[in-house]
Amino acid sequence: KLYQRLQDPALIQDTMIIDIRALDDPDTTIHISSPHGHVNLGTLDEQQYLDTLPTDQLIVVVGATGRKAGQVTPILRMLGYDAVTLRSGMTAWAPVPDSQRVLDQITGADYPVVR
């Protein structure tokens, strides 16, 4: 769904991607080509950072596997942001050899998609 959204010129303007992967993670060289920001999880709760987040756009939180992003998203939603998690994170967006094990485990799993 994210890929389709990013192909629509109108919807891409209403989408912000926040990458929460550690900058020293070698997989951060793989990214989603769209307007996005990178945030250190340690600064996510700082008011000065929260003030920069759009309140009128969909915020897509992206992590390596979706696990940490799945913890950040509900907090942003409680704070009033329209936030979602990229299901399975970057392992599903751009498979690399190290992510194949994770992809194999989630293939066929019936995880709910909540918006």
PDB file of N, CA and C in Angstrom:
ATOM      1  N   LYS A   1       0.818  -1.192   0.000  1.00  0.00           N
ATOM      2  CA  LYS A   1       0.000   0.000   0.000  1.00  0.00           C
ATOM      3  C   LYS A   1       0.863   1.257   0.000  1.00  0.00           C
ATOM      4  N   LEU A   2       1.986   1.209   0.714  1.00  0.00           N
ATOM      5  CA  LEU A   2       2.867   2.372   0.745  1.00  0.00           C
ATOM      6  C   LEU A   2       3.436   2.639  -0.640  1.00  0.00           C
ATOM      7  N   TYR A   3       3.865   1.594  -1.323  1.00  0.00           N
ATOM      8  CA  TYR A   3       4.423   1.763  -2.663  1.00  0.00           C
ATOM      9  C   TYR A   3       3.397   2.425  -3.580  1.00  0.00           C
ATOM     10  N   GLN A   4       2.155   1.956  -3.533  1.00  0.00           N
ATOM     11  CA  GLN A   4       1.101   2.547  -4.365  1.00  0.00           C
ATOM     12  C   GLN A   4       0.874   4.008  -3.987  1.00  0.00           C
ATOM     13  N   ARG A   5       0.882   4.299  -2.703  1.00  0.00           N
ATOM     14  CA  ARG A   5       0.677   5.674  -2.232  1.00  0.00           C
ATOM     15  C   ARG A   5       1.778   6.596  -2.761  1.00  0.00           C
ATOM     16  N   LEU A   6       3.007   6.101  -2.776  1.00  0.00           N
ATOM     17  CA  LEU A   6       4.131   6.919  -3.219  1.00  0.00           C
ATOM     18  C   LEU A   6       4.157   7.112  -4.731  1.00  0.00           C
ATOM     19  N   GLN A   7       3.367   6.343  -5.469  1.00  0.00           N
ATOM     20  CA  GLN A   7       3.273   6.509  -6.918  1.00  0.00           C
ATOM     21  C   GLN A   7       2.250   7.577  -7.304  1.00  0.00           C
ATOM     22  N   ASP A   8       1.407   7.962  -6.367  1.00  0.00           N
ATOM     23  CA  ASP A   8       0.350   8.950  -6.611  1.00  0.00           C
ATOM     24  C   ASP A   8       0.877  10.340  -6.236  1.00  0.00           C
ATOM     25  N   PRO A   9       1.006  11.256  -7.212  1.00  0.00           N
ATOM     26  CA  PRO A   9       1.569  12.585  -6.920  1.00  0.00           C
ATOM     27  C   PRO A   9       0.825  13.346  -5.827  1.00  0.00           C
ATOM     28  N   ALA A  10      -0.473  13.162  -5.730  1.00  0.00           N
ATOM     29  CA  ALA A  10      -1.233  13.866  -4.694  1.00  0.00           C
ATOM     30  C   ALA A  10      -0.982  13.258  -3.322  1.00  0.00           C
ATOM     31  N   LEU A  11      -0.938  11.932  -3.241  1.00  0.00           N
ATOM     32  CA  LEU A  11      -0.773  11.274  -1.952  1.00  0.00           C
ATOM     33  C   LEU A  11       0.656  11.366  -1.416  1.00  0.00           C
ATOM     34  N   ILE A  12       1.635  11.420  -2.307  1.00  0.00           N
ATOM     35  CA  ILE A  12       3.014  11.505  -1.821  1.00  0.00           C
ATOM     36  C   ILE A  12       3.230  12.816  -1.061  1.00  0.00           C
ATOM     37  N   GLN A  13       2.503  13.857  -1.443  1.00  0.00           N
ATOM     38  CA  GLN A  13       2.608  15.136  -0.748  1.00  0.00           C
ATOM     39  C   GLN A  13       2.004  15.074   0.648  1.00  0.00           C
ATOM     40  N   ASP A  14       1.132  14.098   0.873  1.00  0.00           N
ATOM     41  CA  ASP A  14       0.463  13.944   2.165  1.00  0.00           C
ATOM     42  C   ASP A  14       1.067  12.810   2.985  1.00  0.00           C
ATOM     43  N   THR A  15       2.312  12.436   2.684  1.00  0.00           N
ATOM     44  CA  THR A  15       2.954  11.310   3.351  1.00  0.00           C
ATOM     45  C   THR A  15       4.339  11.708   3.840  1.00  0.00           C
ATOM     46  N   MET A  16       4.613  11.403   5.103  1.00  0.00           N
ATOM     47  CA  MET A  16       5.960  11.609   5.641  1.00  0.00           C
ATOM     48  C   MET A  16       6.457  10.274   6.177  1.00  0.00           C
ATOM     49  N   ILE A  17       7.649   9.904   5.797  1.00  0.00           N
ATOM     50  CA  ILE A  17       8.243   8.651   6.257  1.00  0.00           C
ATOM     51  C   ILE A  17       9.308   8.989   7.290  1.00  0.00           C
ATOM     52  N   ILE A  18       9.226   8.312   8.423  1.00  0.00           N
ATOM     53  CA  ILE A  18      10.228   8.480   9.477  1.00  0.00           C
ATOM     54  C   ILE A  18      10.977   7.160   9.617  1.00  0.00           C
ATOM     55  N   ASP A  19      12.262   7.197   9.362  1.00  0.00           N
ATOM     56  CA  ASP A  19      13.127   6.022   9.462  1.00  0.00           C
ATOM     57  C   ASP A  19      13.744   6.007  10.857  1.00  0.00           C
ATOM     58  N   ILE A  20      13.464   4.975  11.636  1.00  0.00           N
ATOM     59  CA  ILE A  20      13.976   4.911  13.010  1.00  0.00           C
ATOM     60  C   ILE A  20      15.137   3.930  13.160  1.00  0.00           C
ATOM     61  N   ARG A  21      15.651   3.418  12.054  1.00  0.00           N
ATOM     62  CA  ARG A  21      16.789   2.508  12.144  1.00  0.00           C
ATOM     63  C   ARG A  21      18.018   3.262  12.624  1.00  0.00           C
ATOM     64  N   ALA A  22      18.886   2.581  13.364  1.00  0.00           N
ATOM     65  CA  ALA A  22      20.124   3.192  13.848  1.00  0.00           C
ATOM     66  C   ALA A  22      20.995   3.585  12.659  1.00  0.00           C
ATOM     67  N   LEU A  23      21.600   4.758  12.733  1.00  0.00           N
ATOM     68  CA  LEU A  23      22.420   5.228  11.623  1.00  0.00           C
ATOM     69  C   LEU A  23      23.633   4.340  11.363  1.00  0.00           C
ATOM     70  N   ASP A  24      24.095   3.633  12.401  1.00  0.00           N
ATOM     71  CA  ASP A  24      25.249   2.755  12.195  1.00  0.00           C
ATOM     72  C   ASP A  24      24.845   1.372  11.690  1.00  0.00           C
ATOM     73  N   ASP A  25      23.558   1.151  11.469  1.00  0.00           N
ATOM     74  CA  ASP A  25      23.068  -0.111  10.904  1.00  0.00           C
ATOM     75  C   ASP A  25      23.465  -0.146   9.429  1.00  0.00           C
ATOM     76  N   PRO A  26      24.163  -1.195   8.985  1.00  0.00           N
ATOM     77  CA  PRO A  26      24.601  -1.228   7.582  1.00  0.00           C
ATOM     78  C   PRO A  26      23.438  -1.220   6.595  1.00  0.00           C
ATOM     79  N   ASP A  27      22.257  -1.656   7.026  1.00  0.00           N
ATOM     80  CA  ASP A  27      21.121  -1.689   6.115  1.00  0.00           C
ATOM     81  C   ASP A  27      20.486  -0.327   5.904  1.00  0.00           C
ATOM     82  N   THR A  28      20.941   0.726   6.613  1.00  0.00           N
ATOM     83  CA  THR A  28      20.350   2.049   6.403  1.00  0.00           C
ATOM     84  C   THR A  28      20.759   2.641   5.063  1.00  0.00           C
ATOM     85  N   THR A  29      21.666   1.975   4.347  1.00  0.00           N
ATOM     86  CA  THR A  29      21.986   2.449   3.002  1.00  0.00           C
ATOM     87  C   THR A  29      20.809   2.167   2.063  1.00  0.00           C
ATOM     88  N   ILE A  30      19.938   1.246   2.456  1.00  0.00           N
ATOM     89  CA  ILE A  30      18.726   0.962   1.689  1.00  0.00           C
ATOM     90  C   ILE A  30      17.633   1.845   2.261  1.00  0.00           C
ATOM     91  N   HIS A  31      17.021   2.649   1.420  1.00  0.00           N
ATOM     92  CA  HIS A  31      15.986   3.533   1.910  1.00  0.00           C
ATOM     93  C   HIS A  31      14.850   3.638   0.897  1.00  0.00           C
ATOM     94  N   ILE A  32      13.783   4.264   1.314  1.00  0.00           N
ATOM     95  CA  ILE A  32      12.627   4.477   0.461  1.00  0.00           C
ATOM     96  C   ILE A  32      12.805   5.834  -0.210  1.00  0.00           C
ATOM     97  N   SER A  33      12.744   5.855  -1.525  1.00  0.00           N
ATOM     98  CA  SER A  33      12.936   7.105  -2.254  1.00  0.00           C
ATOM     99  C   SER A  33      11.668   7.947  -2.193  1.00  0.00           C
ATOM    100  N   SER A  34      11.622   8.789  -1.217  1.00  0.00           N
ATOM    101  CA  SER A  34      10.501   9.717  -1.039  1.00  0.00           C
ATOM    102  C   SER A  34      10.885  10.695   0.050  1.00  0.00           C
ATOM    103  N   PRO A  35      10.082  11.726   0.241  1.00  0.00           N
ATOM    104  CA  PRO A  35      10.393  12.645   1.353  1.00  0.00           C
ATOM    105  C   PRO A  35      10.386  11.893   2.678  1.00  0.00           C
ATOM    106  N   HIS A  36      11.487  11.929   3.378  1.00  0.00           N
ATOM    107  CA  HIS A  36      11.539  11.225   4.652  1.00  0.00           C
ATOM    108  C   HIS A  36      12.581  11.857   5.563  1.00  0.00           C
ATOM    109  N   GLY A  37      12.480  11.499   6.818  1.00  0.00           N
ATOM    110  CA  GLY A  37      13.442  11.953   7.795  1.00  0.00           C
ATOM    111  C   GLY A  37      13.985  10.765   8.559  1.00  0.00           C
ATOM    112  N   HIS A  38      15.125  10.942   9.165  1.00  0.00           N
ATOM    113  CA  HIS A  38      15.715   9.893   9.983  1.00  0.00           C
ATOM    114  C   HIS A  38      15.758  10.417  11.410  1.00  0.00           C
ATOM    115  N   VAL A  39      15.298   9.608  12.346  1.00  0.00           N
ATOM    116  CA  VAL A  39      15.284  10.064  13.733  1.00  0.00           C
ATOM    117  C   VAL A  39      15.890   8.992  14.632  1.00  0.00           C
ATOM    118  N   ASN A  40      16.671   9.436  15.578  1.00  0.00           N
ATOM    119  CA  ASN A  40      17.215   8.563  16.604  1.00  0.00           C
ATOM    120  C   ASN A  40      16.097   8.318  17.618  1.00  0.00           C
ATOM    121  N   LEU A  41      15.858   7.094  17.979  1.00  0.00           N
ATOM    122  CA  LEU A  41      14.782   6.790  18.933  1.00  0.00           C
ATOM    123  C   LEU A  41      14.935   7.563  20.236  1.00  0.00           C
ATOM    124  N   GLY A  42      16.143   7.890  20.612  1.00  0.00           N
ATOM    125  CA  GLY A  42      16.369   8.625  21.857  1.00  0.00           C
ATOM    126  C   GLY A  42      15.877  10.061  21.819  1.00  0.00           C
ATOM    127  N   THR A  43      15.695  10.618  20.620  1.00  0.00           N
ATOM    128  CA  THR A  43      15.234  12.001  20.518  1.00  0.00           C
ATOM    129  C   THR A  43      13.772  12.098  20.107  1.00  0.00           C
ATOM    130  N   LEU A  44      13.156  10.978  19.853  1.00  0.00           N
ATOM    131  CA  LEU A  44      11.777  10.989  19.375  1.00  0.00           C
ATOM    132  C   LEU A  44      10.818  11.635  20.356  1.00  0.00           C
ATOM    133  N   ASP A  45      11.125  11.550  21.648  1.00  0.00           N
ATOM    134  CA  ASP A  45      10.213  12.105  22.643  1.00  0.00           C
ATOM    135  C   ASP A  45      10.504  13.573  22.984  1.00  0.00           C
ATOM    136  N   GLU A  46      11.450  14.177  22.314  1.00  0.00           N
ATOM    137  CA  GLU A  46      11.765  15.576  22.590  1.00  0.00           C
ATOM    138  C   GLU A  46      10.750  16.478  21.902  1.00  0.00           C
ATOM    139  N   GLN A  47      10.218  17.439  22.632  1.00  0.00           N
ATOM    140  CA  GLN A  47       9.171  18.310  22.109  1.00  0.00           C
ATOM    141  C   GLN A  47       9.626  19.051  20.856  1.00  0.00           C
ATOM    142  N   GLN A  48      10.881  19.458  20.815  1.00  0.00           N
ATOM    143  CA  GLN A  48      11.359  20.186  19.641  1.00  0.00           C
ATOM    144  C   GLN A  48      11.286  19.312  18.393  1.00  0.00           C
ATOM    145  N   TYR A  49      11.479  17.983  18.530  1.00  0.00           N
ATOM    146  CA  TYR A  49      11.342  17.101  17.374  1.00  0.00           C
ATOM    147  C   TYR A  49       9.869  16.890  17.050  1.00  0.00           C
ATOM    148  N   LEU A  50       9.066  16.634  18.065  1.00  0.00           N
ATOM    149  CA  LEU A  50       7.643  16.403  17.836  1.00  0.00           C
ATOM    150  C   LEU A  50       6.987  17.594  17.148  1.00  0.00           C
ATOM    151  N   ASP A  51       7.452  18.792  17.462  1.00  0.00           N
ATOM    152  CA  ASP A  51       6.891  19.996  16.840  1.00  0.00           C
ATOM    153  C   ASP A  51       7.167  20.066  15.344  1.00  0.00           C
ATOM    154  N   THR A  52       8.141  19.301  14.857  1.00  0.00           N
ATOM    155  CA  THR A  52       8.450  19.317  13.421  1.00  0.00           C
ATOM    156  C   THR A  52       7.608  18.320  12.637  1.00  0.00           C
ATOM    157  N   LEU A  53       6.922  17.423  13.333  1.00  0.00           N
ATOM    158  CA  LEU A  53       6.108  16.420  12.641  1.00  0.00           C
ATOM    159  C   LEU A  53       4.816  17.043  12.131  1.00  0.00           C
ATOM    160  N   PRO A  54       4.404  16.657  10.928  1.00  0.00           N
ATOM    161  CA  PRO A  54       3.178  17.221  10.373  1.00  0.00           C
ATOM    162  C   PRO A  54       1.940  16.627  11.041  1.00  0.00           C
ATOM    163  N   THR A  55       0.956  17.475  11.269  1.00  0.00           N
ATOM    164  CA  THR A  55      -0.309  16.999  11.835  1.00  0.00           C
ATOM    165  C   THR A  55      -1.345  16.771  10.739  1.00  0.00           C
ATOM    166  N   ASP A  56      -1.010  17.156   9.511  1.00  0.00           N
ATOM    167  CA  ASP A  56      -1.960  17.030   8.408  1.00  0.00           C
ATOM    168  C   ASP A  56      -1.494  16.031   7.347  1.00  0.00           C
ATOM    169  N   GLN A  57      -0.534  15.181   7.695  1.00  0.00           N
ATOM    170  CA  GLN A  57      -0.032  14.171   6.764  1.00  0.00           C
ATOM    171  C   GLN A  57      -0.025  12.810   7.439  1.00  0.00           C
ATOM    172  N   LEU A  58      -0.037  11.761   6.625  1.00  0.00           N
ATOM    173  CA  LEU A  58       0.136  10.409   7.141  1.00  0.00           C
ATOM    174  C   LEU A  58       1.615  10.213   7.442  1.00  0.00           C
ATOM    175  N   ILE A  59       1.931   9.792   8.648  1.00  0.00           N
ATOM    176  CA  ILE A  59       3.306   9.508   9.042  1.00  0.00           C
ATOM    177  C   ILE A  59       3.491   7.997   9.011  1.00  0.00           C
ATOM    178  N   VAL A  60       4.457   7.537   8.226  1.00  0.00           N
ATOM    179  CA  VAL A  60       4.760   6.115   8.130  1.00  0.00           C
ATOM    180  C   VAL A  60       6.074   5.886   8.871  1.00  0.00           C
ATOM    181  N   VAL A  61       6.014   5.107   9.951  1.00  0.00           N
ATOM    182  CA  VAL A  61       7.198   4.825  10.755  1.00  0.00           C
ATOM    183  C   VAL A  61       7.836   3.554  10.209  1.00  0.00           C
ATOM    184  N   VAL A  62       9.120   3.644   9.874  1.00  0.00           N
ATOM    185  CA  VAL A  62       9.829   2.535   9.242  1.00  0.00           C
ATOM    186  C   VAL A  62      11.006   2.120  10.107  1.00  0.00           C
ATOM    187  N   GLY A  63      11.083   0.835  10.390  1.00  0.00           N
ATOM    188  CA  GLY A  63      12.212   0.266  11.100  1.00  0.00           C
ATOM    189  C   GLY A  63      12.794  -0.872  10.283  1.00  0.00           C
ATOM    190  N   ALA A  64      13.666  -1.629  10.879  1.00  0.00           N
ATOM    191  CA  ALA A  64      14.282  -2.747  10.161  1.00  0.00           C
ATOM    192  C   ALA A  64      13.269  -3.861   9.897  1.00  0.00           C
ATOM    193  N   THR A  65      12.526  -4.247  10.938  1.00  0.00           N
ATOM    194  CA  THR A  65      11.577  -5.350  10.793  1.00  0.00           C
ATOM    195  C   THR A  65      10.144  -4.967  11.120  1.00  0.00           C
ATOM    196  N   GLY A  66       9.927  -3.778  11.618  1.00  0.00           N
ATOM    197  CA  GLY A  66       8.589  -3.346  12.009  1.00  0.00           C
ATOM    198  C   GLY A  66       8.331  -3.466  13.496  1.00  0.00           C
ATOM    199  N   ARG A  67       9.208  -4.155  14.218  1.00  0.00           N
ATOM    200  CA  ARG A  67       9.006  -4.376  15.654  1.00  0.00           C
ATOM    201  C   ARG A  67       9.097  -3.072  16.450  1.00  0.00           C
ATOM    202  N   LYS A  68      10.194  -2.349  16.311  1.00  0.00           N
ATOM    203  CA  LYS A  68      10.340  -1.081  17.047  1.00  0.00           C
ATOM    204  C   LYS A  68       9.368  -0.030  16.520  1.00  0.00           C
ATOM    205  N   ALA A  69       9.181   0.001  15.215  1.00  0.00           N
ATOM    206  CA  ALA A  69       8.239   0.962  14.636  1.00  0.00           C
ATOM    207  C   ALA A  69       6.831   0.703  15.176  1.00  0.00           C
ATOM    208  N   GLY A  70       6.515  -0.564  15.413  1.00  0.00           N
ATOM    209  CA  GLY A  70       5.223  -0.920  15.972  1.00  0.00           C
ATOM    210  C   GLY A  70       5.050  -0.446  17.404  1.00  0.00           C
ATOM    211  N   GLN A  71       6.130  -0.123  18.066  1.00  0.00           N
ATOM    212  CA  GLN A  71       6.061   0.438  19.416  1.00  0.00           C
ATOM    213  C   GLN A  71       5.977   1.959  19.369  1.00  0.00           C
ATOM    214  N   VAL A  72       6.587   2.562  18.365  1.00  0.00           N
ATOM    215  CA  VAL A  72       6.593   4.019  18.228  1.00  0.00           C
ATOM    216  C   VAL A  72       5.245   4.527  17.712  1.00  0.00           C
ATOM    217  N   THR A  73       4.666   3.816  16.767  1.00  0.00           N
ATOM    218  CA  THR A  73       3.432   4.266  16.124  1.00  0.00           C
ATOM    219  C   THR A  73       2.293   4.535  17.105  1.00  0.00           C
ATOM    220  N   PRO A  74       1.989   3.640  18.052  1.00  0.00           N
ATOM    221  CA  PRO A  74       0.885   3.936  18.973  1.00  0.00           C
ATOM    222  C   PRO A  74       1.131   5.178  19.828  1.00  0.00           C
ATOM    223  N   ILE A  75       2.387   5.428  20.153  1.00  0.00           N
ATOM    224  CA  ILE A  75       2.707   6.628  20.934  1.00  0.00           C
ATOM    225  C   ILE A  75       2.398   7.876  20.109  1.00  0.00           C
ATOM    226  N   LEU A  76       2.819   7.871  18.840  1.00  0.00           N
ATOM    227  CA  LEU A  76       2.513   9.012  17.981  1.00  0.00           C
ATOM    228  C   LEU A  76       1.006   9.183  17.822  1.00  0.00           C
ATOM    229  N   ARG A  77       0.295   8.075  17.708  1.00  0.00           N
ATOM    230  CA  ARG A  77      -1.165   8.150  17.561  1.00  0.00           C
ATOM    231  C   ARG A  77      -1.806   8.726  18.827  1.00  0.00           C
ATOM    232  N   MET A  78      -1.293   8.341  19.993  1.00  0.00           N
ATOM    233  CA  MET A  78      -1.830   8.893  21.243  1.00  0.00           C
ATOM    234  C   MET A  78      -1.578  10.394  21.337  1.00  0.00           C
ATOM    235  N   LEU A  79      -0.506  10.853  20.698  1.00  0.00           N
ATOM    236  CA  LEU A  79      -0.180  12.278  20.706  1.00  0.00           C
ATOM    237  C   LEU A  79      -0.945  13.049  19.623  1.00  0.00           C
ATOM    238  N   GLY A  80      -1.777  12.346  18.866  1.00  0.00           N
ATOM    239  CA  GLY A  80      -2.629  13.009  17.883  1.00  0.00           C
ATOM    240  C   GLY A  80      -2.146  12.972  16.450  1.00  0.00           C
ATOM    241  N   TYR A  81      -1.064  12.264  16.173  1.00  0.00           N
ATOM    242  CA  TYR A  81      -0.556  12.168  14.805  1.00  0.00           C
ATOM    243  C   TYR A  81      -1.236  11.008  14.078  1.00  0.00           C
ATOM    244  N   ASP A  82      -1.397  11.153  12.772  1.00  0.00           N
ATOM    245  CA  ASP A  82      -1.943  10.079  11.938  1.00  0.00           C
ATOM    246  C   ASP A  82      -0.758   9.210  11.521  1.00  0.00           C
ATOM    247  N   ALA A  83      -0.437   8.210  12.341  1.00  0.00           N
ATOM    248  CA  ALA A  83       0.772   7.416  12.129  1.00  0.00           C
ATOM    249  C   ALA A  83       0.437   5.943  11.903  1.00  0.00           C
ATOM    250  N   VAL A  84       1.217   5.310  11.048  1.00  0.00           N
ATOM    251  CA  VAL A  84       1.113   3.872  10.785  1.00  0.00           C
ATOM    252  C   VAL A  84       2.524   3.295  10.728  1.00  0.00           C
ATOM    253  N   THR A  85       2.616   1.986  10.829  1.00  0.00           N
ATOM    254  CA  THR A  85       3.889   1.274  10.752  1.00  0.00           C
ATOM    255  C   THR A  85       3.994   0.574   9.410  1.00  0.00           C
ATOM    256  N   LEU A  86       5.162   0.643   8.774  1.00  0.00           N
ATOM    257  CA  LEU A  86       5.386  -0.137   7.563  1.00  0.00           C
ATOM    258  C   LEU A  86       5.488  -1.598   7.977  1.00  0.00           C
ATOM    259  N   ARG A  87       4.514  -2.379   7.585  1.00  0.00           N
ATOM    260  CA  ARG A  87       4.448  -3.789   7.974  1.00  0.00           C
ATOM    261  C   ARG A  87       5.725  -4.518   7.554  1.00  0.00           C
ATOM    262  N   SER A  88       6.344  -5.173   8.486  1.00  0.00           N
ATOM    263  CA  SER A  88       7.588  -5.939   8.304  1.00  0.00           C
ATOM    264  C   SER A  88       8.792  -5.065   8.000  1.00  0.00           C
ATOM    265  N   GLY A  89       8.627  -3.769   8.076  1.00  0.00           N
ATOM    266  CA  GLY A  89       9.745  -2.843   7.937  1.00  0.00           C
ATOM    267  C   GLY A  89      10.494  -2.976   6.630  1.00  0.00           C
ATOM    268  N   MET A  90      11.752  -2.590   6.676  1.00  0.00           N
ATOM    269  CA  MET A  90      12.574  -2.598   5.470  1.00  0.00           C
ATOM    270  C   MET A  90      12.888  -4.006   4.979  1.00  0.00           C
ATOM    271  N   THR A  91      12.693  -5.017   5.826  1.00  0.00           N
ATOM    272  CA  THR A  91      12.928  -6.381   5.340  1.00  0.00           C
ATOM    273  C   THR A  91      11.946  -6.729   4.229  1.00  0.00           C
ATOM    274  N   ALA A  92      10.764  -6.150   4.260  1.00  0.00           N
ATOM    275  CA  ALA A  92       9.782  -6.416   3.211  1.00  0.00           C
ATOM    276  C   ALA A  92       9.916  -5.433   2.052  1.00  0.00           C
ATOM    277  N   TRP A  93      10.418  -4.229   2.337  1.00  0.00           N
ATOM    278  CA  TRP A  93      10.532  -3.221   1.282  1.00  0.00           C
ATOM    279  C   TRP A  93      11.671  -3.559   0.326  1.00  0.00           C
ATOM    280  N   ALA A  94      12.802  -3.935   0.870  1.00  0.00           N
ATOM    281  CA  ALA A  94      13.980  -4.208   0.052  1.00  0.00           C
ATOM    282  C   ALA A  94      14.714  -5.408   0.629  1.00  0.00           C
ATOM    283  N   PRO A  95      14.294  -6.612   0.258  1.00  0.00           N
ATOM    284  CA  PRO A  95      14.936  -7.801   0.826  1.00  0.00           C
ATOM    285  C   PRO A  95      16.441  -7.841   0.538  1.00  0.00           C
ATOM    286  N   VAL A  96      17.185  -8.185   1.562  1.00  0.00           N
ATOM    287  CA  VAL A  96      18.624  -8.401   1.448  1.00  0.00           C
ATOM    288  C   VAL A  96      18.897  -9.793   2.014  1.00  0.00           C
ATOM    289  N   PRO A  97      20.060 -10.363   1.755  1.00  0.00           N
ATOM    290  CA  PRO A  97      20.310 -11.721   2.251  1.00  0.00           C
ATOM    291  C   PRO A  97      20.032 -11.907   3.741  1.00  0.00           C
ATOM    292  N   ASP A  98      20.395 -10.918   4.559  1.00  0.00           N
ATOM    293  CA  ASP A  98      20.169 -11.052   6.004  1.00  0.00           C
ATOM    294  C   ASP A  98      18.693 -11.016   6.380  1.00  0.00           C
ATOM    295  N   SER A  99      17.867 -10.436   5.536  1.00  0.00           N
ATOM    296  CA  SER A  99      16.444 -10.319   5.873  1.00  0.00           C
ATOM    297  C   SER A  99      15.628 -11.512   5.397  1.00  0.00           C
ATOM    298  N   GLN A 100      16.200 -12.376   4.591  1.00  0.00           N
ATOM    299  CA  GLN A 100      15.423 -13.483   4.029  1.00  0.00           C
ATOM    300  C   GLN A 100      14.857 -14.394   5.112  1.00  0.00           C
ATOM    301  N   ARG A 101      15.601 -14.607   6.182  1.00  0.00           N
ATOM    302  CA  ARG A 101      15.108 -15.453   7.272  1.00  0.00           C
ATOM    303  C   ARG A 101      13.843 -14.855   7.883  1.00  0.00           C
ATOM    304  N   VAL A 102      13.858 -13.551   8.101  1.00  0.00           N
ATOM    305  CA  VAL A 102      12.692 -12.872   8.669  1.00  0.00           C
ATOM    306  C   VAL A 102      11.522 -12.952   7.700  1.00  0.00           C
ATOM    307  N   LEU A 103      11.786 -12.711   6.425  1.00  0.00           N
ATOM    308  CA  LEU A 103      10.717 -12.785   5.429  1.00  0.00           C
ATOM    309  C   LEU A 103      10.107 -14.179   5.375  1.00  0.00           C
ATOM    310  N   ASP A 104      10.952 -15.189   5.462  1.00  0.00           N
ATOM    311  CA  ASP A 104      10.444 -16.565   5.451  1.00  0.00           C
ATOM    312  C   ASP A 104       9.534 -16.823   6.640  1.00  0.00           C
ATOM    313  N   GLN A 105       9.860 -16.248   7.796  1.00  0.00           N
ATOM    314  CA  GLN A 105       9.047 -16.455   8.997  1.00  0.00           C
ATOM    315  C   GLN A 105       7.702 -15.753   8.919  1.00  0.00           C
ATOM    316  N   ILE A 106       7.642 -14.587   8.278  1.00  0.00           N
ATOM    317  CA  ILE A 106       6.380 -13.851   8.255  1.00  0.00           C
ATOM    318  C   ILE A 106       5.508 -14.188   7.047  1.00  0.00           C
ATOM    319  N   THR A 107       6.085 -14.874   6.065  1.00  0.00           N
ATOM    320  CA  THR A 107       5.293 -15.247   4.905  1.00  0.00           C
ATOM    321  C   THR A 107       4.143 -16.144   5.353  1.00  0.00           C
ATOM    322  N   GLY A 108       2.970 -15.762   4.973  1.00  0.00           N
ATOM    323  CA  GLY A 108       1.795 -16.548   5.329  1.00  0.00           C
ATOM    324  C   GLY A 108       1.193 -16.187   6.674  1.00  0.00           C
ATOM    325  N   ALA A 109       1.885 -15.385   7.475  1.00  0.00           N
ATOM    326  CA  ALA A 109       1.319 -14.956   8.757  1.00  0.00           C
ATOM    327  C   ALA A 109       0.187 -13.981   8.475  1.00  0.00           C
ATOM    328  N   ASP A 110      -0.863 -14.079   9.234  1.00  0.00           N
ATOM    329  CA  ASP A 110      -2.033 -13.239   9.012  1.00  0.00           C
ATOM    330  C   ASP A 110      -2.042 -12.094  10.032  1.00  0.00           C
ATOM    331  N   TYR A 111      -1.074 -11.182   9.878  1.00  0.00           N
ATOM    332  CA  TYR A 111      -1.013 -10.042  10.781  1.00  0.00           C
ATOM    333  C   TYR A 111      -2.068  -9.021  10.372  1.00  0.00           C
ATOM    334  N   PRO A 112      -2.782  -8.458  11.330  1.00  0.00           N
ATOM    335  CA  PRO A 112      -3.792  -7.456  10.964  1.00  0.00           C
ATOM    336  C   PRO A 112      -3.148  -6.143  10.539  1.00  0.00           C
ATOM    337  N   VAL A 113      -3.787  -5.461   9.624  1.00  0.00           N
ATOM    338  CA  VAL A 113      -3.350  -4.143   9.202  1.00  0.00           C
ATOM    339  C   VAL A 113      -4.361  -3.161   9.808  1.00  0.00           C
ATOM    340  N   VAL A 114      -3.880  -2.282  10.659  1.00  0.00           N
ATOM    341  CA  VAL A 114      -4.758  -1.368  11.385  1.00  0.00           C
ATOM    342  C   VAL A 114      -4.429   0.055  10.960  1.00  0.00           C
ATOM    343  N   ARG A 115      -5.443   0.816  10.717  1.00  0.00           N
ATOM    344  CA  ARG A 115      -5.242   2.237  10.369  1.00  0.00           C
ATOM    345  C   ARG A 115      -6.218   3.057  11.162  1.00  0.00           C
TER     346      ARG A 115
END
